[in-house]
Amino acid sequence: MLKFSMGAEDLAWNDFDKKKFVPFVVENNGSLDIELVDKSSSSAPDPELAICLYKDKNIVVQSSYQRSRKFDIDYVDFDSIKILLKDGFGLTSEQFYTNIGGRYISL
């Protein structure tokens, strides 16, 4: 019989799919300051994060994965943002937001 033991950190990774980030975007002197705020109650460690900015369903900016929740990007016109998450095991998840009336709404 195979025995399997999970520690608290392993159990936290099981909560990865419950992680929920919300983008806050500020235009600042020709750049975009984008911060991803964790709005979940998940105890999973923070994943690596990347973002894609879209205009009319076309990618205009795609970042690399990073540990920081803050992205500083040269200004581009965009209407949607996709947040990409990658956990320590390489599992990925996506969260998509579109700008409606100046607020980013999850779709």
PDB file of N, CA and C in Angstrom:
ATOM      1  N   MET A   1       0.846  -1.189   0.000  1.00  0.00           N
ATOM      2  CA  MET A   1       0.000   0.000   0.000  1.00  0.00           C
ATOM      3  C   MET A   1       0.885   1.245   0.000  1.00  0.00           C
ATOM      4  N   LEU A   2       0.545   2.157  -0.846  1.00  0.00           N
ATOM      5  CA  LEU A   2       1.286   3.402  -0.957  1.00  0.00           C
ATOM      6  C   LEU A   2       0.758   4.390   0.066  1.00  0.00           C
ATOM      7  N   LYS A   3       1.669   4.963   0.827  1.00  0.00           N
ATOM      8  CA  LYS A   3       1.267   5.980   1.820  1.00  0.00           C
ATOM      9  C   LYS A   3       1.716   7.339   1.319  1.00  0.00           C
ATOM     10  N   PHE A   4       0.871   8.314   1.541  1.00  0.00           N
ATOM     11  CA  PHE A   4       1.147   9.651   1.058  1.00  0.00           C
ATOM     12  C   PHE A   4       0.846  10.634   2.172  1.00  0.00           C
ATOM     13  N   SER A   5       1.791  11.522   2.431  1.00  0.00           N
ATOM     14  CA  SER A   5       1.611  12.501   3.497  1.00  0.00           C
ATOM     15  C   SER A   5       1.750  13.896   2.904  1.00  0.00           C
ATOM     16  N   MET A   6       0.848  14.766   3.282  1.00  0.00           N
ATOM     17  CA  MET A   6       0.905  16.150   2.806  1.00  0.00           C
ATOM     18  C   MET A   6       1.127  17.076   3.990  1.00  0.00           C
ATOM     19  N   GLY A   7       2.070  17.987   3.828  1.00  0.00           N
ATOM     20  CA  GLY A   7       2.290  19.001   4.848  1.00  0.00           C
ATOM     21  C   GLY A   7       1.376  20.184   4.604  1.00  0.00           C
ATOM     22  N   ALA A   8       1.390  21.129   5.525  1.00  0.00           N
ATOM     23  CA  ALA A   8       0.511  22.313   5.423  1.00  0.00           C
ATOM     24  C   ALA A   8       0.800  23.099   4.152  1.00  0.00           C
ATOM     25  N   GLU A   9       2.091  23.195   3.765  1.00  0.00           N
ATOM     26  CA  GLU A   9       2.416  23.955   2.555  1.00  0.00           C
ATOM     27  C   GLU A   9       1.858  23.262   1.311  1.00  0.00           C
ATOM     28  N   ASP A  10       1.924  21.920   1.278  1.00  0.00           N
ATOM     29  CA  ASP A  10       1.361  21.185   0.144  1.00  0.00           C
ATOM     30  C   ASP A  10      -0.142  21.385   0.064  1.00  0.00           C
ATOM     31  N   LEU A  11      -0.811  21.391   1.208  1.00  0.00           N
ATOM     32  CA  LEU A  11      -2.260  21.601   1.213  1.00  0.00           C
ATOM     33  C   LEU A  11      -2.600  22.995   0.710  1.00  0.00           C
ATOM     34  N   ALA A  12      -1.769  23.967   1.039  1.00  0.00           N
ATOM     35  CA  ALA A  12      -2.008  25.340   0.589  1.00  0.00           C
ATOM     36  C   ALA A  12      -1.958  25.421  -0.929  1.00  0.00           C
ATOM     37  N   TRP A  13      -1.055  24.662  -1.568  1.00  0.00           N
ATOM     38  CA  TRP A  13      -0.985  24.695  -3.025  1.00  0.00           C
ATOM     39  C   TRP A  13      -2.274  24.176  -3.640  1.00  0.00           C
ATOM     40  N   ASN A  14      -2.998  23.306  -2.911  1.00  0.00           N
ATOM     41  CA  ASN A  14      -4.266  22.809  -3.430  1.00  0.00           C
ATOM     42  C   ASN A  14      -5.293  23.924  -3.559  1.00  0.00           C
ATOM     43  N   ASP A  15      -5.088  25.028  -2.895  1.00  0.00           N
ATOM     44  CA  ASP A  15      -5.974  26.190  -2.952  1.00  0.00           C
ATOM     45  C   ASP A  15      -5.638  27.125  -4.112  1.00  0.00           C
ATOM     46  N   PHE A  16      -4.682  26.751  -4.949  1.00  0.00           N
ATOM     47  CA  PHE A  16      -4.207  27.615  -6.032  1.00  0.00           C
ATOM     48  C   PHE A  16      -5.358  28.109  -6.902  1.00  0.00           C
ATOM     49  N   ASP A  17      -6.302  27.227  -7.224  1.00  0.00           N
ATOM     50  CA  ASP A  17      -7.396  27.614  -8.115  1.00  0.00           C
ATOM     51  C   ASP A  17      -8.357  28.603  -7.469  1.00  0.00           C
ATOM     52  N   LYS A  18      -8.192  28.866  -6.175  1.00  0.00           N
ATOM     53  CA  LYS A  18      -9.052  29.835  -5.490  1.00  0.00           C
ATOM     54  C   LYS A  18      -8.411  31.216  -5.417  1.00  0.00           C
ATOM     55  N   LYS A  19      -7.160  31.333  -5.899  1.00  0.00           N
ATOM     56  CA  LYS A  19      -6.515  32.634  -5.890  1.00  0.00           C
ATOM     57  C   LYS A  19      -7.269  33.574  -6.827  1.00  0.00           C
ATOM     58  N   LYS A  20      -7.485  34.806  -6.395  1.00  0.00           N
ATOM     59  CA  LYS A  20      -8.245  35.785  -7.181  1.00  0.00           C
ATOM     60  C   LYS A  20      -7.525  37.124  -7.102  1.00  0.00           C
ATOM     61  N   PHE A  21      -7.029  37.580  -8.238  1.00  0.00           N
ATOM     62  CA  PHE A  21      -6.347  38.867  -8.298  1.00  0.00           C
ATOM     63  C   PHE A  21      -7.200  39.856  -9.083  1.00  0.00           C
ATOM     64  N   VAL A  22      -7.189  41.104  -8.643  1.00  0.00           N
ATOM     65  CA  VAL A  22      -7.938  42.169  -9.306  1.00  0.00           C
ATOM     66  C   VAL A  22      -6.932  43.240  -9.734  1.00  0.00           C
ATOM     67  N   PRO A  23      -7.005  43.686 -10.997  1.00  0.00           N
ATOM     68  CA  PRO A  23      -6.051  44.698 -11.457  1.00  0.00           C
ATOM     69  C   PRO A  23      -6.474  46.117 -11.075  1.00  0.00           C
ATOM     70  N   PHE A  24      -5.514  46.888 -10.608  1.00  0.00           N
ATOM     71  CA  PHE A  24      -5.700  48.321 -10.390  1.00  0.00           C
ATOM     72  C   PHE A  24      -4.709  49.024 -11.298  1.00  0.00           C
ATOM     73  N   VAL A  25      -5.221  49.865 -12.194  1.00  0.00           N
ATOM     74  CA  VAL A  25      -4.410  50.494 -13.232  1.00  0.00           C
ATOM     75  C   VAL A  25      -4.412  52.004 -13.029  1.00  0.00           C
ATOM     76  N   VAL A  26      -3.207  52.588 -13.042  1.00  0.00           N
ATOM     77  CA  VAL A  26      -3.056  54.036 -12.933  1.00  0.00           C
ATOM     78  C   VAL A  26      -2.180  54.501 -14.086  1.00  0.00           C
ATOM     79  N   GLU A  27      -2.670  55.492 -14.839  1.00  0.00           N
ATOM     80  CA  GLU A  27      -1.862  56.118 -15.879  1.00  0.00           C
ATOM     81  C   GLU A  27      -1.007  57.181 -15.210  1.00  0.00           C
ATOM     82  N   ASN A  28       0.305  57.123 -15.490  1.00  0.00           N
ATOM     83  CA  ASN A  28       1.228  57.990 -14.769  1.00  0.00           C
ATOM     84  C   ASN A  28       2.333  58.481 -15.701  1.00  0.00           C
ATOM     85  N   ASN A  29       2.210  59.709 -16.214  1.00  0.00           N
ATOM     86  CA  ASN A  29       3.254  60.324 -17.039  1.00  0.00           C
ATOM     87  C   ASN A  29       3.769  59.408 -18.151  1.00  0.00           C
ATOM     88  N   GLY A  30       2.887  58.923 -18.990  1.00  0.00           N
ATOM     89  CA  GLY A  30       3.289  58.110 -20.124  1.00  0.00           C
ATOM     90  C   GLY A  30       3.550  56.650 -19.818  1.00  0.00           C
ATOM     91  N   SER A  31       3.175  56.213 -18.625  1.00  0.00           N
ATOM     92  CA  SER A  31       3.329  54.797 -18.300  1.00  0.00           C
ATOM     93  C   SER A  31       2.068  54.293 -17.605  1.00  0.00           C
ATOM     94  N   LEU A  32       1.988  53.000 -17.517  1.00  0.00           N
ATOM     95  CA  LEU A  32       0.893  52.358 -16.790  1.00  0.00           C
ATOM     96  C   LEU A  32       1.465  51.674 -15.560  1.00  0.00           C
ATOM     97  N   ASP A  33       0.942  52.011 -14.405  1.00  0.00           N
ATOM     98  CA  ASP A  33       1.299  51.318 -13.173  1.00  0.00           C
ATOM     99  C   ASP A  33       0.155  50.361 -12.879  1.00  0.00           C
ATOM    100  N   ILE A  34       0.438  49.074 -12.960  1.00  0.00           N
ATOM    101  CA  ILE A  34      -0.590  48.051 -12.759  1.00  0.00           C
ATOM    102  C   ILE A  34      -0.219  47.235 -11.538  1.00  0.00           C
ATOM    103  N   GLU A  35      -1.123  47.186 -10.581  1.00  0.00           N
ATOM    104  CA  GLU A  35      -0.913  46.375  -9.385  1.00  0.00           C
ATOM    105  C   GLU A  35      -2.026  45.332  -9.319  1.00  0.00           C
ATOM    106  N   LEU A  36      -1.645  44.096  -9.049  1.00  0.00           N
ATOM    107  CA  LEU A  36      -2.600  43.002  -8.910  1.00  0.00           C
ATOM    108  C   LEU A  36      -2.819  42.759  -7.423  1.00  0.00           C
ATOM    109  N   VAL A  37      -4.039  42.986  -6.972  1.00  0.00           N
ATOM    110  CA  VAL A  37      -4.374  42.857  -5.557  1.00  0.00           C
ATOM    111  C   VAL A  37      -5.067  41.521  -5.331  1.00  0.00           C
ATOM    112  N   ASP A  38      -4.563  40.767  -4.358  1.00  0.00           N
ATOM    113  CA  ASP A  38      -5.121  39.450  -4.033  1.00  0.00           C
ATOM    114  C   ASP A  38      -6.409  39.656  -3.242  1.00  0.00           C
ATOM    115  N   LYS A  39      -7.546  39.296  -3.838  1.00  0.00           N
ATOM    116  CA  LYS A  39      -8.856  39.451  -3.204  1.00  0.00           C
ATOM    117  C   LYS A  39      -9.414  38.109  -2.723  1.00  0.00           C
ATOM    118  N   SER A  40      -8.554  37.087  -2.653  1.00  0.00           N
ATOM    119  CA  SER A  40      -9.034  35.763  -2.256  1.00  0.00           C
ATOM    120  C   SER A  40      -8.773  35.522  -0.773  1.00  0.00           C
ATOM    121  N   SER A  41      -9.367  34.474  -0.276  1.00  0.00           N
ATOM    122  CA  SER A  41      -9.096  34.033   1.093  1.00  0.00           C
ATOM    123  C   SER A  41      -8.222  32.786   1.065  1.00  0.00           C
ATOM    124  N   SER A  42      -7.649  32.483  -0.100  1.00  0.00           N
ATOM    125  CA  SER A  42      -6.814  31.302  -0.273  1.00  0.00           C
ATOM    126  C   SER A  42      -5.520  31.445   0.514  1.00  0.00           C
ATOM    127  N   SER A  43      -5.107  30.354   1.130  1.00  0.00           N
ATOM    128  CA  SER A  43      -3.845  30.359   1.866  1.00  0.00           C
ATOM    129  C   SER A  43      -2.683  29.908   0.993  1.00  0.00           C
ATOM    130  N   ALA A  44      -2.941  29.665  -0.294  1.00  0.00           N
ATOM    131  CA  ALA A  44      -1.878  29.239  -1.202  1.00  0.00           C
ATOM    132  C   ALA A  44      -0.821  30.325  -1.310  1.00  0.00           C
ATOM    133  N   PRO A  45       0.441  29.931  -1.409  1.00  0.00           N
ATOM    134  CA  PRO A  45       1.495  30.935  -1.611  1.00  0.00           C
ATOM    135  C   PRO A  45       1.233  31.719  -2.893  1.00  0.00           C
ATOM    136  N   ASP A  46       1.765  32.942  -2.939  1.00  0.00           N
ATOM    137  CA  ASP A  46       1.599  33.751  -4.147  1.00  0.00           C
ATOM    138  C   ASP A  46       2.249  33.049  -5.331  1.00  0.00           C
ATOM    139  N   PRO A  47       1.538  32.987  -6.440  1.00  0.00           N
ATOM    140  CA  PRO A  47       2.102  32.389  -7.658  1.00  0.00           C
ATOM    141  C   PRO A  47       2.984  33.392  -8.382  1.00  0.00           C
ATOM    142  N   GLU A  48       3.665  32.926  -9.412  1.00  0.00           N
ATOM    143  CA  GLU A  48       4.299  33.845 -10.338  1.00  0.00           C
ATOM    144  C   GLU A  48       3.178  34.441 -11.181  1.00  0.00           C
ATOM    145  N   LEU A  49       3.341  35.697 -11.581  1.00  0.00           N
ATOM    146  CA  LEU A  49       2.286  36.409 -12.289  1.00  0.00           C
ATOM    147  C   LEU A  49       2.810  37.018 -13.584  1.00  0.00           C
ATOM    148  N   ALA A  50       1.956  37.050 -14.578  1.00  0.00           N
ATOM    149  CA  ALA A  50       2.227  37.750 -15.832  1.00  0.00           C
ATOM    150  C   ALA A  50       0.919  38.394 -16.263  1.00  0.00           C
ATOM    151  N   ILE A  51       1.009  39.378 -17.155  1.00  0.00           N
ATOM    152  CA  ILE A  51      -0.198  40.011 -17.674  1.00  0.00           C
ATOM    153  C   ILE A  51      -0.111  40.136 -19.186  1.00  0.00           C
ATOM    154  N   CYS A  52      -1.275  40.120 -19.814  1.00  0.00           N
ATOM    155  CA  CYS A  52      -1.431  40.435 -21.237  1.00  0.00           C
ATOM    156  C   CYS A  52      -2.452  41.554 -21.323  1.00  0.00           C
ATOM    157  N   LEU A  53      -2.113  42.586 -22.059  1.00  0.00           N
ATOM    158  CA  LEU A  53      -3.053  43.676 -22.303  1.00  0.00           C
ATOM    159  C   LEU A  53      -3.576  43.536 -23.723  1.00  0.00           C
ATOM    160  N   TYR A  54      -4.891  43.726 -23.875  1.00  0.00           N
ATOM    161  CA  TYR A  54      -5.560  43.544 -25.173  1.00  0.00           C
ATOM    162  C   TYR A  54      -6.251  44.827 -25.606  1.00  0.00           C
ATOM    163  N   LYS A  55      -6.275  45.039 -26.902  1.00  0.00           N
ATOM    164  CA  LYS A  55      -7.076  46.092 -27.519  1.00  0.00           C
ATOM    165  C   LYS A  55      -7.828  45.440 -28.669  1.00  0.00           C
ATOM    166  N   ASP A  56      -9.143  45.480 -28.626  1.00  0.00           N
ATOM    167  CA  ASP A  56      -9.981  44.866 -29.655  1.00  0.00           C
ATOM    168  C   ASP A  56      -9.600  43.398 -29.893  1.00  0.00           C
ATOM    169  N   LYS A  57      -9.399  42.661 -28.805  1.00  0.00           N
ATOM    170  CA  LYS A  57      -9.090  41.222 -28.813  1.00  0.00           C
ATOM    171  C   LYS A  57      -7.708  40.879 -29.349  1.00  0.00           C
ATOM    172  N   ASN A  58      -6.856  41.879 -29.538  1.00  0.00           N
ATOM    173  CA  ASN A  58      -5.480  41.649 -29.981  1.00  0.00           C
ATOM    174  C   ASN A  58      -4.518  41.997 -28.846  1.00  0.00           C
ATOM    175  N   ILE A  59      -3.498  41.167 -28.645  1.00  0.00           N
ATOM    176  CA  ILE A  59      -2.505  41.436 -27.594  1.00  0.00           C
ATOM    177  C   ILE A  59      -1.658  42.633 -28.006  1.00  0.00           C
ATOM    178  N   VAL A  60      -1.550  43.622 -27.097  1.00  0.00           N
ATOM    179  CA  VAL A  60      -0.694  44.778 -27.350  1.00  0.00           C
ATOM    180  C   VAL A  60       0.541  44.767 -26.435  1.00  0.00           C
ATOM    181  N   VAL A  61       0.455  44.083 -25.311  1.00  0.00           N
ATOM    182  CA  VAL A  61       1.593  43.921 -24.390  1.00  0.00           C
ATOM    183  C   VAL A  61       1.457  42.573 -23.701  1.00  0.00           C
ATOM    184  N   GLN A  62       2.587  41.865 -23.585  1.00  0.00           N
ATOM    185  CA  GLN A  62       2.618  40.629 -22.804  1.00  0.00           C
ATOM    186  C   GLN A  62       3.883  40.666 -21.954  1.00  0.00           C
ATOM    187  N   SER A  63       3.720  40.509 -20.648  1.00  0.00           N
ATOM    188  CA  SER A  63       4.872  40.536 -19.744  1.00  0.00           C
ATOM    189  C   SER A  63       5.400  39.123 -19.525  1.00  0.00           C
ATOM    190  N   SER A  64       6.564  39.058 -18.932  1.00  0.00           N
ATOM    191  CA  SER A  64       7.118  37.784 -18.464  1.00  0.00           C
ATOM    192  C   SER A  64       6.543  37.487 -17.082  1.00  0.00           C
ATOM    193  N   TYR A  65       6.641  36.224 -16.668  1.00  0.00           N
ATOM    194  CA  TYR A  65       6.235  35.872 -15.304  1.00  0.00           C
ATOM    195  C   TYR A  65       7.215  36.489 -14.316  1.00  0.00           C
ATOM    196  N   GLN A  66       6.662  36.918 -13.182  1.00  0.00           N
ATOM    197  CA  GLN A  66       7.473  37.508 -12.120  1.00  0.00           C
ATOM    198  C   GLN A  66       6.808  37.261 -10.775  1.00  0.00           C
ATOM    199  N   ARG A  67       7.560  37.440  -9.712  1.00  0.00           N
ATOM    200  CA  ARG A  67       7.020  37.270  -8.351  1.00  0.00           C
ATOM    201  C   ARG A  67       6.291  38.515  -7.869  1.00  0.00           C
ATOM    202  N   SER A  68       6.676  39.671  -8.368  1.00  0.00           N
ATOM    203  CA  SER A  68       6.066  40.924  -7.936  1.00  0.00           C
ATOM    204  C   SER A  68       4.653  41.051  -8.495  1.00  0.00           C
ATOM    205  N   ARG A  69       3.802  41.712  -7.736  1.00  0.00           N
ATOM    206  CA  ARG A  69       2.429  41.989  -8.187  1.00  0.00           C
ATOM    207  C   ARG A  69       2.330  43.319  -8.920  1.00  0.00           C
ATOM    208  N   LYS A  70       3.438  44.031  -9.069  1.00  0.00           N
ATOM    209  CA  LYS A  70       3.420  45.348  -9.705  1.00  0.00           C
ATOM    210  C   LYS A  70       4.101  45.280 -11.061  1.00  0.00           C
ATOM    211  N   PHE A  71       3.464  45.916 -12.040  1.00  0.00           N
ATOM    212  CA  PHE A  71       3.980  45.979 -13.403  1.00  0.00           C
ATOM    213  C   PHE A  71       4.016  47.439 -13.833  1.00  0.00           C
ATOM    214  N   ASP A  72       5.153  47.894 -14.330  1.00  0.00           N
ATOM    215  CA  ASP A  72       5.293  49.246 -14.886  1.00  0.00           C
ATOM    216  C   ASP A  72       5.516  49.072 -16.379  1.00  0.00           C
ATOM    217  N   ILE A  73       4.596  49.607 -17.173  1.00  0.00           N
ATOM    218  CA  ILE A  73       4.602  49.391 -18.617  1.00  0.00           C
ATOM    219  C   ILE A  73       4.458  50.732 -19.312  1.00  0.00           C
ATOM    220  N   ASP A  74       5.179  50.908 -20.420  1.00  0.00           N
ATOM    221  CA  ASP A  74       4.975  52.115 -21.227  1.00  0.00           C
ATOM    222  C   ASP A  74       3.504  52.175 -21.624  1.00  0.00           C
ATOM    223  N   TYR A  75       2.962  53.385 -21.679  1.00  0.00           N
ATOM    224  CA  TYR A  75       1.537  53.550 -21.967  1.00  0.00           C
ATOM    225  C   TYR A  75       1.159  52.940 -23.313  1.00  0.00           C
ATOM    226  N   VAL A  76       0.078  52.175 -23.304  1.00  0.00           N
ATOM    227  CA  VAL A  76      -0.580  51.678 -24.515  1.00  0.00           C
ATOM    228  C   VAL A  76      -2.081  51.775 -24.272  1.00  0.00           C
ATOM    229  N   ASP A  77      -2.814  51.925 -25.344  1.00  0.00           N
ATOM    230  CA  ASP A  77      -4.271  51.926 -25.249  1.00  0.00           C
ATOM    231  C   ASP A  77      -4.730  50.469 -25.191  1.00  0.00           C
ATOM    232  N   PHE A  78      -5.493  50.111 -24.179  1.00  0.00           N
ATOM    233  CA  PHE A  78      -5.986  48.739 -24.054  1.00  0.00           C
ATOM    234  C   PHE A  78      -7.371  48.739 -23.436  1.00  0.00           C
ATOM    235  N   ASP A  79      -8.117  47.663 -23.663  1.00  0.00           N
ATOM    236  CA  ASP A  79      -9.471  47.583 -23.116  1.00  0.00           C
ATOM    237  C   ASP A  79      -9.706  46.351 -22.250  1.00  0.00           C
ATOM    238  N   SER A  80      -8.744  45.418 -22.251  1.00  0.00           N
ATOM    239  CA  SER A  80      -8.897  44.202 -21.447  1.00  0.00           C
ATOM    240  C   SER A  80      -7.542  43.770 -20.926  1.00  0.00           C
ATOM    241  N   ILE A  81      -7.570  43.032 -19.829  1.00  0.00           N
ATOM    242  CA  ILE A  81      -6.335  42.530 -19.239  1.00  0.00           C
ATOM    243  C   ILE A  81      -6.541  41.079 -18.812  1.00  0.00           C
ATOM    244  N   LYS A  82      -5.553  40.255 -19.151  1.00  0.00           N
ATOM    245  CA  LYS A  82      -5.570  38.864 -18.704  1.00  0.00           C
ATOM    246  C   LYS A  82      -4.436  38.692 -17.699  1.00  0.00           C
ATOM    247  N   ILE A  83      -4.773  38.154 -16.532  1.00  0.00           N
ATOM    248  CA  ILE A  83      -3.780  37.860 -15.509  1.00  0.00           C
ATOM    249  C   ILE A  83      -3.465  36.372 -15.605  1.00  0.00           C
ATOM    250  N   LEU A  84      -2.181  36.065 -15.721  1.00  0.00           N
ATOM    251  CA  LEU A  84      -1.730  34.686 -15.817  1.00  0.00           C
ATOM    252  C   LEU A  84      -1.037  34.305 -14.518  1.00  0.00           C
ATOM    253  N   LEU A  85      -1.419  33.170 -13.956  1.00  0.00           N
ATOM    254  CA  LEU A  85      -0.842  32.693 -12.710  1.00  0.00           C
ATOM    255  C   LEU A  85      -0.144  31.365 -12.957  1.00  0.00           C
ATOM    256  N   LYS A  86       1.004  31.164 -12.283  1.00  0.00           N
ATOM    257  CA  LYS A  86       1.716  29.892 -12.390  1.00  0.00           C
ATOM    258  C   LYS A  86       2.207  29.525 -10.996  1.00  0.00           C
ATOM    259  N   ASP A  87       1.789  28.345 -10.516  1.00  0.00           N
ATOM    260  CA  ASP A  87       2.196  27.932  -9.171  1.00  0.00           C
ATOM    261  C   ASP A  87       3.554  27.234  -9.202  1.00  0.00           C
ATOM    262  N   GLY A  88       4.014  26.819  -8.035  1.00  0.00           N
ATOM    263  CA  GLY A  88       5.320  26.199  -7.899  1.00  0.00           C
ATOM    264  C   GLY A  88       5.466  24.878  -8.626  1.00  0.00           C
ATOM    265  N   PHE A  89       4.372  24.254  -9.013  1.00  0.00           N
ATOM    266  CA  PHE A  89       4.399  22.991  -9.735  1.00  0.00           C
ATOM    267  C   PHE A  89       4.235  23.186 -11.240  1.00  0.00           C
ATOM    268  N   GLY A  90       4.136  24.448 -11.680  1.00  0.00           N
ATOM    269  CA  GLY A  90       3.978  24.741 -13.099  1.00  0.00           C
ATOM    270  C   GLY A  90       2.536  24.750 -13.566  1.00  0.00           C
ATOM    271  N   LEU A  91       1.573  24.580 -12.637  1.00  0.00           N
ATOM    272  CA  LEU A  91       0.159  24.655 -13.009  1.00  0.00           C
ATOM    273  C   LEU A  91      -0.192  26.104 -13.302  1.00  0.00           C
ATOM    274  N   THR A  92      -1.015  26.328 -14.313  1.00  0.00           N
ATOM    275  CA  THR A  92      -1.356  27.694 -14.696  1.00  0.00           C
ATOM    276  C   THR A  92      -2.859  27.936 -14.605  1.00  0.00           C
ATOM    277  N   SER A  93      -3.195  29.199 -14.477  1.00  0.00           N
ATOM    278  CA  SER A  93      -4.587  29.629 -14.419  1.00  0.00           C
ATOM    279  C   SER A  93      -4.644  31.024 -15.035  1.00  0.00           C
ATOM    280  N   GLU A  94      -5.818  31.404 -15.523  1.00  0.00           N
ATOM    281  CA  GLU A  94      -5.995  32.723 -16.122  1.00  0.00           C
ATOM    282  C   GLU A  94      -7.215  33.406 -15.528  1.00  0.00           C
ATOM    283  N   GLN A  95      -7.145  34.725 -15.432  1.00  0.00           N
ATOM    284  CA  GLN A  95      -8.281  35.534 -15.014  1.00  0.00           C
ATOM    285  C   GLN A  95      -8.374  36.693 -16.004  1.00  0.00           C
ATOM    286  N   PHE A  96      -9.559  36.918 -16.550  1.00  0.00           N
ATOM    287  CA  PHE A  96      -9.734  37.911 -17.611  1.00  0.00           C
ATOM    288  C   PHE A  96     -10.639  39.035 -17.126  1.00  0.00           C
ATOM    289  N   TYR A  97     -10.222  40.274 -17.398  1.00  0.00           N
ATOM    290  CA  TYR A  97     -10.998  41.454 -17.004  1.00  0.00           C
ATOM    291  C   TYR A  97     -11.142  42.374 -18.204  1.00  0.00           C
ATOM    292  N   THR A  98     -12.295  43.005 -18.317  1.00  0.00           N
ATOM    293  CA  THR A  98     -12.498  44.001 -19.362  1.00  0.00           C
ATOM    294  C   THR A  98     -12.916  45.320 -18.727  1.00  0.00           C
ATOM    295  N   ASN A  99     -12.555  46.410 -19.376  1.00  0.00           N
ATOM    296  CA  ASN A  99     -12.846  47.738 -18.858  1.00  0.00           C
ATOM    297  C   ASN A  99     -14.279  48.113 -19.231  1.00  0.00           C
ATOM    298  N   ILE A 100     -15.090  48.308 -18.221  1.00  0.00           N
ATOM    299  CA  ILE A 100     -16.479  48.744 -18.412  1.00  0.00           C
ATOM    300  C   ILE A 100     -16.687  49.956 -17.530  1.00  0.00           C
ATOM    301  N   GLY A 101     -16.847  51.103 -18.149  1.00  0.00           N
ATOM    302  CA  GLY A 101     -17.072  52.338 -17.397  1.00  0.00           C
ATOM    303  C   GLY A 101     -15.936  52.716 -16.475  1.00  0.00           C
ATOM    304  N   GLY A 102     -14.684  52.406 -16.871  1.00  0.00           N
ATOM    305  CA  GLY A 102     -13.545  52.785 -16.061  1.00  0.00           C
ATOM    306  C   GLY A 102     -13.171  51.780 -14.987  1.00  0.00           C
ATOM    307  N   ARG A 103     -13.904  50.674 -14.894  1.00  0.00           N
ATOM    308  CA  ARG A 103     -13.594  49.631 -13.909  1.00  0.00           C
ATOM    309  C   ARG A 103     -13.327  48.330 -14.646  1.00  0.00           C
ATOM    310  N   TYR A 104     -12.434  47.519 -14.110  1.00  0.00           N
ATOM    311  CA  TYR A 104     -12.116  46.234 -14.717  1.00  0.00           C
ATOM    312  C   TYR A 104     -12.999  45.172 -14.092  1.00  0.00           C
ATOM    313  N   ILE A 105     -13.832  44.574 -14.929  1.00  0.00           N
ATOM    314  CA  ILE A 105     -14.837  43.601 -14.504  1.00  0.00           C
ATOM    315  C   ILE A 105     -14.414  42.221 -14.979  1.00  0.00           C
ATOM    316  N   SER A 106     -14.482  41.249 -14.080  1.00  0.00           N
ATOM    317  CA  SER A 106     -14.124  39.873 -14.416  1.00  0.00           C
ATOM    318  C   SER A 106     -15.163  39.265 -15.343  1.00  0.00           C
ATOM    319  N   LEU A 107     -14.706  38.556 -16.356  1.00  0.00           N
ATOM    320  CA  LEU A 107     -15.605  37.885 -17.292  1.00  0.00           C
ATOM    321  C   LEU A 107     -15.495  36.386 -17.119  1.00  0.00           C
TER     322      LEU A 107
END
